Amino acid sequence: MQEKWNQFVYYLCEDKKSNVDEPKYHNRIEAQLELLGWMKFKNEICHKLNVPIGNGRHIQPDILVQKDGKNQFVIEVKCPGHTQIAKDCDQLVSYMRQLKLKAGIYIGEHIEIFYDQPDSENAISILKIPLELDNKRGTKFVELFSKDRFSKESIVQFCEARIKEMQHEESLNKIKEHLIGDAQKQITDGMKMFLLEKYGNTFTENDIVGMLASLKFSATPLDNQQTINDHIPIPIVPQKQVSKTINSKHKHDSTLYSINGSKPLNKRRFVHQLVKLYVEQHPKTSFAKLEEVFPATLQGSYGVIRSIDYIRKKGYEGSRYLMKDDELLRSSDGIVFAVCSQWGKANITKYIDLAKKLGYTITTPVETPTQKGSIENKTIECFLTRNANAKGYFNLIDQSLTVLKGSQINPGYLAKVNPKTKEKREVQIAEFAKRKGDLLVVTKDVVFKTPSGASQFCVGGSSNGWRDWRDINNNELDIYRNKKE
């Protein structure tokens, strides 16, 4: 496979060096596809084919690969000297969706594979491959898209597996970022437990805590290593420049839902909370009965609830269901199960109808930016969980966060802080805070555009405000975030 990849990419590399124009590069790519077994004379490599898509409209993808007259995958071509922009990806994804294809390829200054995941609003960049010889990812490209090995099923399997790998690596990276951002506390806490276990018979806990307090710990990424997810492709932003038909179909709906007047929740949290409430109110209900109460057809192929055994058998851990320890539920007959997280405008309506039939009152406290109502309907009371004793209000409509007067913020800085961040914070402190002994106290309410901006002001360094700010029930503000569901 490595040799075949080298054959495929060799002339593309040469074209990049000489910066050929797009038409010549386009012809070169079609010629190289024949190395993978696809034949132009059999009409398998279709050059700017005029494809009707209904209502008298047509599209003309750069390259459409077919087999036995059926579309297999589409390629968007840009010249090798081009720098990819969002519009290029939007165009490719538009072709994929209008041709009902799960896989698409961008070939320009690099090669990139995109996957249109079911029940997801955004297509995802699965694999990005530089134009170079002996690239290991290139062998995977050849394996997937050679005619003798190609199948839509194998593409889907690879992409789903790749998504899990990306999610796993992203989780590790968050741990790494958290350690770097707050190394002193993280390392001190870990060392305390280790030292107590090893020397607890000789020294008291106060001895060990005092000794650790005399040390300064920091965590710094190695200069010669990438961060864990440097190579992870980033999900494509929502379609903005495709046709109005595609835009309206995939437009994000950020409606929040309240159960019996409770705090507003996004779709996945609303569904989970309702199932949880029902289980608590009907403690003698078996899992089989719960499946009748919440039938799978309400959601679709993934169902509303599934047992852990089922989820593991299907390999869906972490990607389709709410699987954290505090999210799992248990039926009266001892079956542990999870609630599906895949909800959108298409299936949430039926779930709301069921909720009302079960006797729950469902409202949408935040419907439009101009809605008038009480502060409870617009803001969430919250507090900061690290390096400060700060309180605030999160605005559900514009997603801003107000740090309240009287909040005590970090009088210093985290071990590693960007100089520009420090300079900006010094200006903010001069305007909005005052030192009182060892404390730094906010003197008036301060509005920040994002929770992260507010938390960075409070903690004195890098901070993910969606995670570090919590509501009064200790939920991360991320559950109120206007994002893809």
Protein backbone atom coordinates (compact mmCIF):
# COMPACT_ATOMS: atom_id res chain seq x y z
CA MET A 1 0.00 0.00 0.00
CA GLN A 2 2.86 2.38 0.73
CA GLU A 3 4.25 1.99 -2.78
CA LYS A 4 0.83 2.57 -4.32
CA TRP A 5 0.41 5.72 -2.25
CA ASN A 6 3.80 6.94 -3.41
CA GLN A 7 2.76 6.32 -7.02
CA PHE A 8 -0.51 8.16 -6.46
CA VAL A 9 0.97 11.21 -4.74
CA TYR A 10 4.29 11.58 -6.61
CA TYR A 11 3.04 13.72 -9.50
CA LEU A 12 0.72 15.67 -7.20
CA CYS A 13 3.82 16.63 -5.22
CA GLU A 14 5.57 17.68 -8.42
CA ASP A 15 2.56 19.75 -9.47
CA LYS A 16 2.58 21.46 -6.09
CA LYS A 17 6.27 22.35 -6.47
CA SER A 18 5.63 23.90 -9.89
CA ASN A 19 2.33 25.44 -8.74
CA VAL A 20 0.31 24.28 -11.75
CA ASP A 21 -3.06 25.83 -12.41
CA GLU A 22 -6.30 24.16 -11.35
CA PRO A 23 -7.32 22.66 -14.75
CA LYS A 24 -3.96 20.87 -15.14
CA TYR A 25 -4.09 19.71 -11.53
CA HIS A 26 -7.64 18.50 -12.05
CA ASN A 27 -6.57 16.38 -15.04
CA ARG A 28 -3.62 15.03 -13.05
CA ILE A 29 -5.90 13.89 -10.22
CA GLU A 30 -8.17 12.06 -12.66
CA ALA A 31 -5.13 10.32 -14.14
CA GLN A 32 -3.92 9.31 -10.68
CA LEU A 33 -7.34 7.87 -9.82
CA GLU A 34 -6.75 5.34 -12.58
CA LEU A 35 -3.77 4.06 -10.55
CA LEU A 36 -6.36 3.14 -7.92
CA GLY A 37 -8.31 1.10 -10.45
CA TRP A 38 -11.01 3.57 -11.50
CA MET A 39 -11.39 3.85 -15.28
CA LYS A 40 -12.34 6.99 -17.17
CA PHE A 41 -13.26 5.12 -20.35
CA LYS A 42 -15.82 3.15 -18.32
CA ASN A 43 -17.37 6.43 -17.14
CA GLU A 44 -16.24 5.75 -13.57
CA ILE A 45 -14.31 9.04 -13.34
CA CYS A 46 -16.80 11.75 -14.29
CA HIS A 47 -15.33 15.17 -15.13
CA LYS A 48 -17.66 18.02 -14.06
CA LEU A 49 -20.72 15.90 -14.74
CA ASN A 50 -23.97 17.89 -14.94
CA VAL A 51 -26.15 16.17 -12.33
CA PRO A 52 -29.89 17.03 -12.05
CA ILE A 53 -31.12 17.42 -8.46
CA GLY A 54 -34.79 18.22 -9.04
CA ASN A 55 -36.91 21.29 -9.79
CA GLY A 56 -34.88 21.92 -12.91
CA ARG A 57 -31.71 22.48 -10.89
CA HIS A 58 -28.30 20.95 -11.58
CA ILE A 59 -24.97 20.65 -9.81
CA GLN A 60 -21.56 20.12 -11.36
CA PRO A 61 -19.05 18.58 -8.94
CA ASP A 62 -15.40 18.66 -10.01
CA ILE A 63 -15.03 14.87 -9.97
CA LEU A 64 -17.74 12.30 -9.34
CA VAL A 65 -16.62 8.67 -9.04
CA GLN A 66 -19.21 6.08 -10.06
CA LYS A 67 -19.41 2.30 -10.25
CA ASP A 68 -21.99 0.50 -12.32
CA GLY A 69 -23.70 3.84 -12.86
CA LYS A 70 -24.06 4.53 -9.12
CA ASN A 71 -22.39 7.42 -7.30
CA GLN A 72 -19.62 6.34 -4.90
CA PHE A 73 -17.80 9.50 -3.73
CA VAL A 74 -17.22 13.08 -4.83
CA ILE A 75 -14.03 15.17 -5.03
CA GLU A 76 -13.63 18.93 -4.73
CA VAL A 77 -10.46 20.12 -6.51
CA LYS A 78 -8.41 23.23 -5.85
CA CYS A 79 -4.99 24.08 -7.27
CA PRO A 80 -2.02 22.90 -5.14
CA GLY A 81 -0.96 26.47 -4.36
CA HIS A 82 -4.39 27.24 -2.89
CA THR A 83 -5.04 27.72 0.84
CA GLN A 84 -8.24 26.05 1.98
CA ILE A 85 -11.08 28.29 3.18
CA ALA A 86 -14.45 27.43 4.72
CA LYS A 87 -16.23 27.98 1.40
CA ASP A 88 -14.27 25.09 -0.17
CA CYS A 89 -15.49 22.69 2.52
CA ASP A 90 -19.04 24.04 2.33
CA GLN A 91 -19.08 23.36 -1.40
CA LEU A 92 -17.89 19.77 -0.97
CA VAL A 93 -20.38 19.06 1.82
CA SER A 94 -23.18 20.55 -0.28
CA TYR A 95 -22.37 18.11 -3.12
CA MET A 96 -22.18 15.19 -0.67
CA ARG A 97 -25.62 15.93 0.75
CA GLN A 98 -27.32 16.62 -2.55
CA LEU A 99 -25.89 13.38 -3.98
CA LYS A 100 -26.69 11.51 -0.72
CA LEU A 101 -23.06 10.44 -0.30
CA LYS A 102 -21.45 9.88 3.09
CA ALA A 103 -17.89 10.38 1.84
CA GLY A 104 -16.24 13.28 0.09
CA ILE A 105 -12.63 14.23 -0.66
CA TYR A 106 -10.94 17.60 -0.86
CA ILE A 107 -7.74 17.64 -2.95
CA GLY A 108 -5.76 20.86 -3.15
CA GLU A 109 -2.67 21.74 -1.11
CA HIS A 110 -3.41 18.55 0.85
CA ILE A 111 -5.89 15.66 0.75
CA GLU A 112 -8.75 15.59 3.25
CA ILE A 113 -11.55 13.07 3.79
CA PHE A 114 -14.95 14.28 4.99
CA TYR A 115 -17.79 12.21 6.44
CA ASP A 116 -21.45 13.18 6.76
CA GLN A 117 -22.34 11.40 9.99
CA PRO A 118 -26.00 10.33 10.43
CA ASP A 119 -28.04 12.46 12.84
CA SER A 120 -25.29 15.09 12.90
CA GLU A 121 -25.78 18.64 11.70
CA ASN A 122 -22.18 19.03 10.56
CA ALA A 123 -19.99 16.99 8.26
CA ILE A 124 -16.70 16.05 9.92
CA SER A 125 -13.12 16.21 8.70
CA ILE A 126 -11.94 12.67 9.35
CA LEU A 127 -8.42 12.51 7.93
CA LYS A 128 -6.03 15.16 6.62
CA ILE A 129 -3.07 13.93 4.58
CA PRO A 130 -0.16 16.10 3.40
CA LEU A 131 1.13 15.71 -0.15
CA GLU A 132 4.28 13.78 0.63
CA LEU A 133 5.86 10.39 -0.05
CA ASP A 134 5.90 7.59 2.55
CA ASN A 135 3.04 9.07 4.55
CA LYS A 136 1.36 6.42 6.70
CA ARG A 137 -2.02 8.07 6.43
CA GLY A 138 -1.64 7.95 2.69
CA THR A 139 -1.67 4.15 2.83
CA LYS A 140 -5.07 4.33 4.58
CA PHE A 141 -6.35 6.61 1.82
CA VAL A 142 -5.25 4.12 -0.84
CA GLU A 143 -6.77 1.24 1.10
CA LEU A 144 -10.12 3.00 1.42
CA PHE A 145 -10.46 4.41 -2.09
CA SER A 146 -8.85 1.78 -4.34
CA LYS A 147 -11.58 0.35 -6.57
CA ASP A 148 -10.90 -3.28 -5.66
CA ARG A 149 -11.28 -2.52 -1.93
CA PHE A 150 -13.81 0.30 -1.96
CA SER A 151 -17.22 -0.06 -0.34
CA LYS A 152 -19.49 2.50 1.26
CA GLU A 153 -19.82 0.23 4.29
CA SER A 154 -16.05 0.14 4.91
CA ILE A 155 -15.89 3.93 4.59
CA VAL A 156 -18.61 4.36 7.22
CA GLN A 157 -16.94 1.86 9.56
CA PHE A 158 -13.60 3.63 9.25
CA CYS A 159 -15.13 7.08 9.79
CA GLU A 160 -17.13 6.02 12.84
CA ALA A 161 -14.01 4.42 14.34
CA ARG A 162 -12.01 7.56 13.56
CA ILE A 163 -14.58 9.75 15.32
CA LYS A 164 -14.24 7.65 18.48
CA GLU A 165 -10.46 7.97 18.25
CA MET A 166 -10.75 11.75 17.87
CA GLN A 167 -13.11 12.00 20.85
CA HIS A 168 -10.76 9.86 22.95
CA GLU A 169 -7.76 12.02 22.06
CA GLU A 170 -9.72 15.20 22.65
CA SER A 171 -10.65 13.97 26.15
CA LEU A 172 -6.98 13.32 26.90
CA ASN A 173 -6.10 16.76 25.62
CA LYS A 174 -8.65 18.39 27.94
CA ILE A 175 -7.02 16.62 30.87
CA LYS A 176 -3.63 17.87 29.69
CA GLU A 177 -4.90 21.45 29.31
CA HIS A 178 -6.47 21.31 32.76
CA LEU A 179 -3.18 20.09 34.25
CA ILE A 180 -1.17 22.81 32.50
CA GLY A 181 -3.66 25.51 33.50
CA ASP A 182 -3.80 24.54 37.18
CA ALA A 183 -0.71 22.41 37.75
CA GLN A 184 -0.09 23.58 41.30
CA LYS A 185 -3.38 22.26 42.67
CA GLN A 186 -3.56 19.17 40.46
CA ILE A 187 -0.03 17.98 41.27
CA THR A 188 -0.26 18.95 44.93
CA ASP A 189 -3.50 17.01 45.40
CA GLY A 190 -2.03 13.94 43.69
CA MET A 191 1.25 14.09 45.59
CA LYS A 192 -0.57 14.53 48.89
CA MET A 193 -2.36 11.19 48.52
CA PHE A 194 0.81 9.45 47.36
CA LEU A 195 2.91 10.81 50.23
CA LEU A 196 0.28 10.08 52.86
CA GLU A 197 0.15 6.47 51.72
CA LYS A 198 3.94 6.16 51.70
CA TYR A 199 4.91 8.22 54.76
CA GLY A 200 1.66 8.42 56.74
CA ASN A 201 3.12 6.45 59.62
CA THR A 202 5.96 8.94 60.04
CA PHE A 203 4.41 12.33 59.24
CA THR A 204 0.99 13.86 59.84
CA GLU A 205 -1.23 15.15 57.06
CA ASN A 206 -0.46 18.73 58.18
CA ASP A 207 3.27 18.00 57.88
CA ILE A 208 2.88 16.80 54.30
CA VAL A 209 0.51 19.60 53.29
CA GLY A 210 2.90 22.16 54.75
CA MET A 211 5.87 20.65 52.93
CA LEU A 212 3.98 20.65 49.61
CA ALA A 213 2.97 24.27 50.14
CA SER A 214 6.68 25.18 50.13
CA LEU A 215 7.07 23.78 46.61
CA LYS A 216 5.99 25.20 43.27
CA PHE A 217 4.79 22.81 40.58
CA SER A 218 4.18 23.49 36.89
CA ALA A 219 3.39 21.49 33.78
CA THR A 220 4.75 22.53 30.40
CA PRO A 221 4.32 20.74 27.05
CA LEU A 222 7.60 19.60 25.50
CA ASP A 223 8.75 21.95 22.76
CA ASN A 224 9.43 19.09 20.36
CA GLN A 225 6.04 17.47 20.77
CA GLN A 226 2.64 18.36 19.39
CA THR A 227 -0.30 18.71 21.70
CA ILE A 228 -2.35 15.53 21.76
CA ASN A 229 -4.92 16.73 19.27
CA ASP A 230 -2.72 18.80 16.93
CA HIS A 231 -3.39 16.33 14.16
CA ILE A 232 -7.09 15.94 14.86
CA PRO A 233 -9.21 17.43 12.08
CA ILE A 234 -11.73 20.02 13.24
CA PRO A 235 -15.45 19.51 12.55
CA ILE A 236 -16.68 21.66 9.68
CA VAL A 237 -18.67 24.74 10.62
CA PRO A 238 -22.39 24.76 9.75
CA GLN A 239 -23.30 25.31 6.11
CA LYS A 240 -23.46 29.04 5.43
CA GLN A 241 -22.82 29.41 1.74
CA VAL A 242 -24.77 26.54 0.22
CA SER A 243 -28.25 26.77 -1.21
CA LYS A 244 -31.20 28.03 0.83
CA THR A 245 -32.69 24.54 0.73
CA ILE A 246 -29.65 23.00 2.40
CA ASN A 247 -29.37 25.92 4.83
CA SER A 248 -32.89 25.68 6.13
CA LYS A 249 -32.70 21.92 6.48
CA HIS A 250 -29.61 22.04 8.67
CA LYS A 251 -30.22 25.31 10.53
CA HIS A 252 -29.40 24.92 14.22
CA ASP A 253 -32.23 25.12 16.71
CA SER A 254 -31.07 26.22 20.16
CA THR A 255 -34.47 26.17 21.90
CA LEU A 256 -34.33 25.44 25.63
CA TYR A 257 -37.02 23.45 27.45
CA SER A 258 -38.29 23.63 31.02
CA ILE A 259 -40.06 20.78 32.87
CA ASN A 260 -42.71 21.90 35.36
CA GLY A 261 -41.06 25.32 35.61
CA SER A 262 -37.53 24.00 36.22
CA LYS A 263 -34.38 25.59 34.82
CA PRO A 264 -34.24 25.57 30.99
CA LEU A 265 -32.29 22.72 29.38
CA ASN A 266 -31.01 21.99 25.89
CA LYS A 267 -32.52 19.05 24.03
CA ARG A 268 -30.30 16.23 25.23
CA ARG A 269 -30.46 17.38 28.86
CA PHE A 270 -34.20 17.91 28.64
CA VAL A 271 -34.73 14.35 27.37
CA HIS A 272 -32.44 12.90 30.05
CA GLN A 273 -34.02 14.90 32.86
CA LEU A 274 -37.54 13.80 31.90
CA VAL A 275 -36.57 10.11 31.87
CA LYS A 276 -34.80 10.57 35.20
CA LEU A 277 -37.87 12.25 36.72
CA TYR A 278 -40.14 9.48 35.50
CA VAL A 279 -37.88 6.78 36.99
CA GLU A 280 -37.75 8.62 40.32
CA GLN A 281 -41.53 9.01 40.37
CA HIS A 282 -42.17 5.40 39.31
CA PRO A 283 -39.50 3.46 41.26
CA LYS A 284 -41.12 0.05 40.67
CA THR A 285 -41.02 0.26 36.87
CA SER A 286 -39.02 -2.44 35.05
CA PHE A 287 -36.75 -1.67 32.11
CA ALA A 288 -39.11 -3.44 29.71
CA LYS A 289 -41.93 -1.19 30.88
CA LEU A 290 -39.74 1.91 30.56
CA GLU A 291 -39.08 0.95 26.93
CA GLU A 292 -42.84 0.91 26.41
CA VAL A 293 -43.25 4.31 28.07
CA PHE A 294 -40.38 5.77 26.00
CA PRO A 295 -40.63 3.84 22.70
CA ALA A 296 -37.57 3.78 20.45
CA THR A 297 -39.56 5.22 17.55
CA LEU A 298 -39.64 8.61 19.29
CA GLN A 299 -35.94 9.09 18.59
CA GLY A 300 -35.22 6.91 15.59
CA SER A 301 -32.66 4.16 15.08
CA TYR A 302 -30.87 4.77 18.41
CA GLY A 303 -33.96 4.74 20.63
CA VAL A 304 -34.66 6.91 23.67
CA ILE A 305 -33.10 4.53 26.22
CA ARG A 306 -30.79 1.54 25.81
CA SER A 307 -29.21 -0.83 28.28
CA ILE A 308 -25.47 -0.56 28.85
CA ASP A 309 -25.03 -4.11 27.51
CA TYR A 310 -26.74 -3.11 24.26
CA ILE A 311 -24.66 0.07 23.90
CA ARG A 312 -21.39 -1.78 24.45
CA LYS A 313 -22.36 -4.52 22.03
CA LYS A 314 -23.02 -1.88 19.36
CA GLY A 315 -19.82 0.02 20.20
CA TYR A 316 -21.68 3.24 20.92
CA GLU A 317 -19.93 4.19 24.18
CA GLY A 318 -19.42 7.93 24.39
CA SER A 319 -20.81 8.83 20.99
CA ARG A 320 -24.57 8.34 21.02
CA TYR A 321 -25.64 8.22 24.66
CA LEU A 322 -25.10 10.13 27.91
CA MET A 323 -22.67 7.74 29.58
CA LYS A 324 -21.09 9.57 32.52
CA ASP A 325 -21.50 7.89 35.92
CA ASP A 326 -23.95 10.53 37.13
CA GLU A 327 -25.97 10.25 33.92
CA LEU A 328 -26.62 6.49 33.99
CA LEU A 329 -29.99 5.32 35.35
CA ARG A 330 -31.22 2.06 36.85
CA SER A 331 -34.62 0.38 36.52
CA SER A 332 -36.43 -1.46 39.30
CA ASP A 333 -35.17 -4.82 37.99
CA GLY A 334 -31.54 -3.69 38.21
CA ILE A 335 -30.81 -2.90 34.57
CA VAL A 336 -28.42 0.02 34.13
CA PHE A 337 -29.26 2.11 31.07
CA ALA A 338 -28.41 5.36 29.31
CA VAL A 339 -30.44 8.02 27.52
CA CYS A 340 -29.76 8.85 23.87
CA SER A 341 -28.13 12.22 23.16
CA GLN A 342 -29.08 12.49 19.47
CA TRP A 343 -31.94 15.00 19.30
CA GLY A 344 -32.92 17.70 16.85
CA LYS A 345 -35.94 19.53 15.52
CA ALA A 346 -37.05 16.44 13.61
CA ASN A 347 -37.59 14.18 16.62
CA ILE A 348 -37.90 16.43 19.70
CA THR A 349 -41.51 17.38 18.92
CA LYS A 350 -42.75 13.82 19.34
CA TYR A 351 -40.90 13.56 22.64
CA ILE A 352 -42.50 16.77 23.91
CA ASP A 353 -45.94 15.41 22.97
CA LEU A 354 -45.20 12.28 25.01
CA ALA A 355 -44.03 14.37 27.98
CA LYS A 356 -47.30 16.27 28.00
CA LYS A 357 -49.30 13.02 27.82
CA LEU A 358 -47.36 11.80 30.86
CA GLY A 359 -48.56 14.86 32.76
CA TYR A 360 -45.52 17.12 32.61
CA THR A 361 -45.72 20.82 31.77
CA ILE A 362 -43.19 21.69 29.09
CA THR A 363 -42.35 25.31 28.32
CA THR A 364 -39.67 27.10 26.32
CA PRO A 365 -38.56 29.99 28.58
CA VAL A 366 -36.22 31.48 25.99
CA GLU A 367 -37.85 31.61 22.58
CA THR A 368 -36.67 34.85 20.98
CA PRO A 369 -34.07 37.51 21.78
CA THR A 370 -36.87 40.05 22.27
CA GLN A 371 -38.86 38.00 24.74
CA LYS A 372 -39.74 39.89 27.92
CA GLY A 373 -39.77 38.08 31.21
CA SER A 374 -38.30 37.75 34.66
CA ILE A 375 -34.59 37.44 35.34
CA GLU A 376 -35.06 33.71 35.95
CA ASN A 377 -36.16 33.31 32.33
CA LYS A 378 -33.10 35.10 30.95
CA THR A 379 -30.21 34.46 33.29
CA ILE A 380 -28.67 31.65 35.29
CA GLU A 381 -27.08 32.25 38.67
CA CYS A 382 -23.60 30.71 38.69
CA PHE A 383 -20.34 30.44 40.58
CA LEU A 384 -16.69 29.77 39.66
CA THR A 385 -15.13 26.47 40.75
CA ARG A 386 -11.41 27.25 40.66
CA ASN A 387 -8.82 29.79 41.84
CA ALA A 388 -11.43 32.37 42.88
CA ASN A 389 -14.53 32.94 44.99
CA ALA A 390 -16.60 34.52 42.25
CA LYS A 391 -20.31 34.66 41.52
CA GLY A 392 -22.12 35.74 38.40
CA TYR A 393 -25.13 35.64 36.13
CA PHE A 394 -25.06 33.88 32.75
CA ASN A 395 -27.31 35.37 30.06
CA LEU A 396 -29.16 32.63 28.17
CA ILE A 397 -29.90 34.87 25.21
CA ASP A 398 -26.59 36.53 24.29
CA GLN A 399 -24.40 33.98 26.18
CA SER A 400 -22.58 36.74 28.11
CA LEU A 401 -21.56 36.40 31.75
CA THR A 402 -21.63 39.11 34.41
CA VAL A 403 -19.14 38.80 37.27
CA LEU A 404 -20.87 40.27 40.32
CA LYS A 405 -19.62 43.01 42.59
CA GLY A 406 -18.00 41.56 45.73
CA SER A 407 -16.54 38.51 43.97
CA GLN A 408 -13.05 37.63 45.18
CA ILE A 409 -10.69 36.87 42.29
CA ASN A 410 -7.17 35.48 42.14
CA PRO A 411 -4.76 38.26 43.29
CA GLY A 412 -1.99 36.62 41.26
CA TYR A 413 -1.63 34.58 38.08
CA LEU A 414 -1.50 30.94 37.11
CA ALA A 415 1.93 29.36 36.57
CA LYS A 416 1.75 29.78 32.81
CA VAL A 417 -0.07 32.82 31.45
CA ASN A 418 0.08 34.53 28.07
CA PRO A 419 1.75 37.99 28.38
CA LYS A 420 -1.06 39.62 26.38
CA THR A 421 -3.65 37.99 28.63
CA LYS A 422 -1.79 39.29 31.68
CA GLU A 423 -1.54 42.80 30.22
CA LYS A 424 -5.26 42.84 29.41
CA ARG A 425 -6.17 41.59 32.88
CA GLU A 426 -4.07 44.28 34.58
CA VAL A 427 -6.13 46.91 32.75
CA GLN A 428 -9.36 45.17 33.81
CA ILE A 429 -8.21 44.93 37.44
CA ALA A 430 -7.40 48.65 37.51
CA GLU A 431 -10.93 49.44 36.37
CA PHE A 432 -13.05 46.79 38.07
CA ALA A 433 -11.26 45.54 41.21
CA LYS A 434 -9.56 46.71 44.38
CA ARG A 435 -7.04 45.05 46.67
CA LYS A 436 -8.10 44.52 50.28
CA GLY A 437 -5.18 43.02 52.18
CA ASP A 438 -4.41 39.68 50.51
CA LEU A 439 -7.72 39.75 48.62
CA LEU A 440 -8.61 41.17 45.22
CA VAL A 441 -12.29 42.13 45.19
CA VAL A 442 -14.48 43.13 42.24
CA THR A 443 -15.89 46.64 42.89
CA LYS A 444 -18.75 46.61 40.36
CA ASP A 445 -20.59 44.21 38.08
CA VAL A 446 -18.48 43.38 35.00
CA VAL A 447 -20.03 42.01 31.80
CA PHE A 448 -17.97 39.65 29.60
CA LYS A 449 -19.00 38.43 26.17
CA THR A 450 -18.23 34.79 27.06
CA PRO A 451 -17.94 32.67 30.22
CA SER A 452 -14.29 31.95 29.33
CA GLY A 453 -13.46 35.66 29.21
CA ALA A 454 -15.04 36.05 32.64
CA SER A 455 -13.22 33.07 34.15
CA GLN A 456 -9.84 34.13 32.73
CA PHE A 457 -10.34 37.52 34.43
CA CYS A 458 -11.15 35.77 37.71
CA VAL A 459 -8.51 33.01 37.78
CA GLY A 460 -5.61 34.90 36.20
CA GLY A 461 -4.87 32.58 33.29
CA SER A 462 -6.27 30.08 30.84
CA SER A 463 -9.73 28.81 31.75
CA ASN A 464 -12.60 27.08 29.98
CA GLY A 465 -15.54 29.07 31.32
CA TRP A 466 -18.13 26.63 29.98
CA ARG A 467 -16.66 24.03 32.34
CA ASP A 468 -15.36 26.12 35.26
CA TRP A 469 -18.55 28.14 35.83
CA ARG A 470 -21.41 26.08 37.35
CA ASP A 471 -25.06 26.78 38.07
CA ILE A 472 -26.49 26.45 41.58
CA ASN A 473 -27.06 22.73 40.95
CA ASN A 474 -23.37 22.28 40.05
CA ASN A 475 -24.07 21.76 36.33
CA GLU A 476 -21.46 23.08 33.91
CA LEU A 477 -22.63 26.11 31.93
CA ASP A 478 -21.95 24.06 28.80
CA ILE A 479 -25.48 22.63 29.10
CA TYR A 480 -26.85 26.11 28.32
CA ARG A 481 -24.50 26.77 25.45
CA ASN A 482 -25.97 27.60 22.05
CA LYS A 483 -24.21 24.88 20.10
CA LYS A 484 -24.83 21.87 17.85
CA GLU A 485 -27.02 19.35 19.61
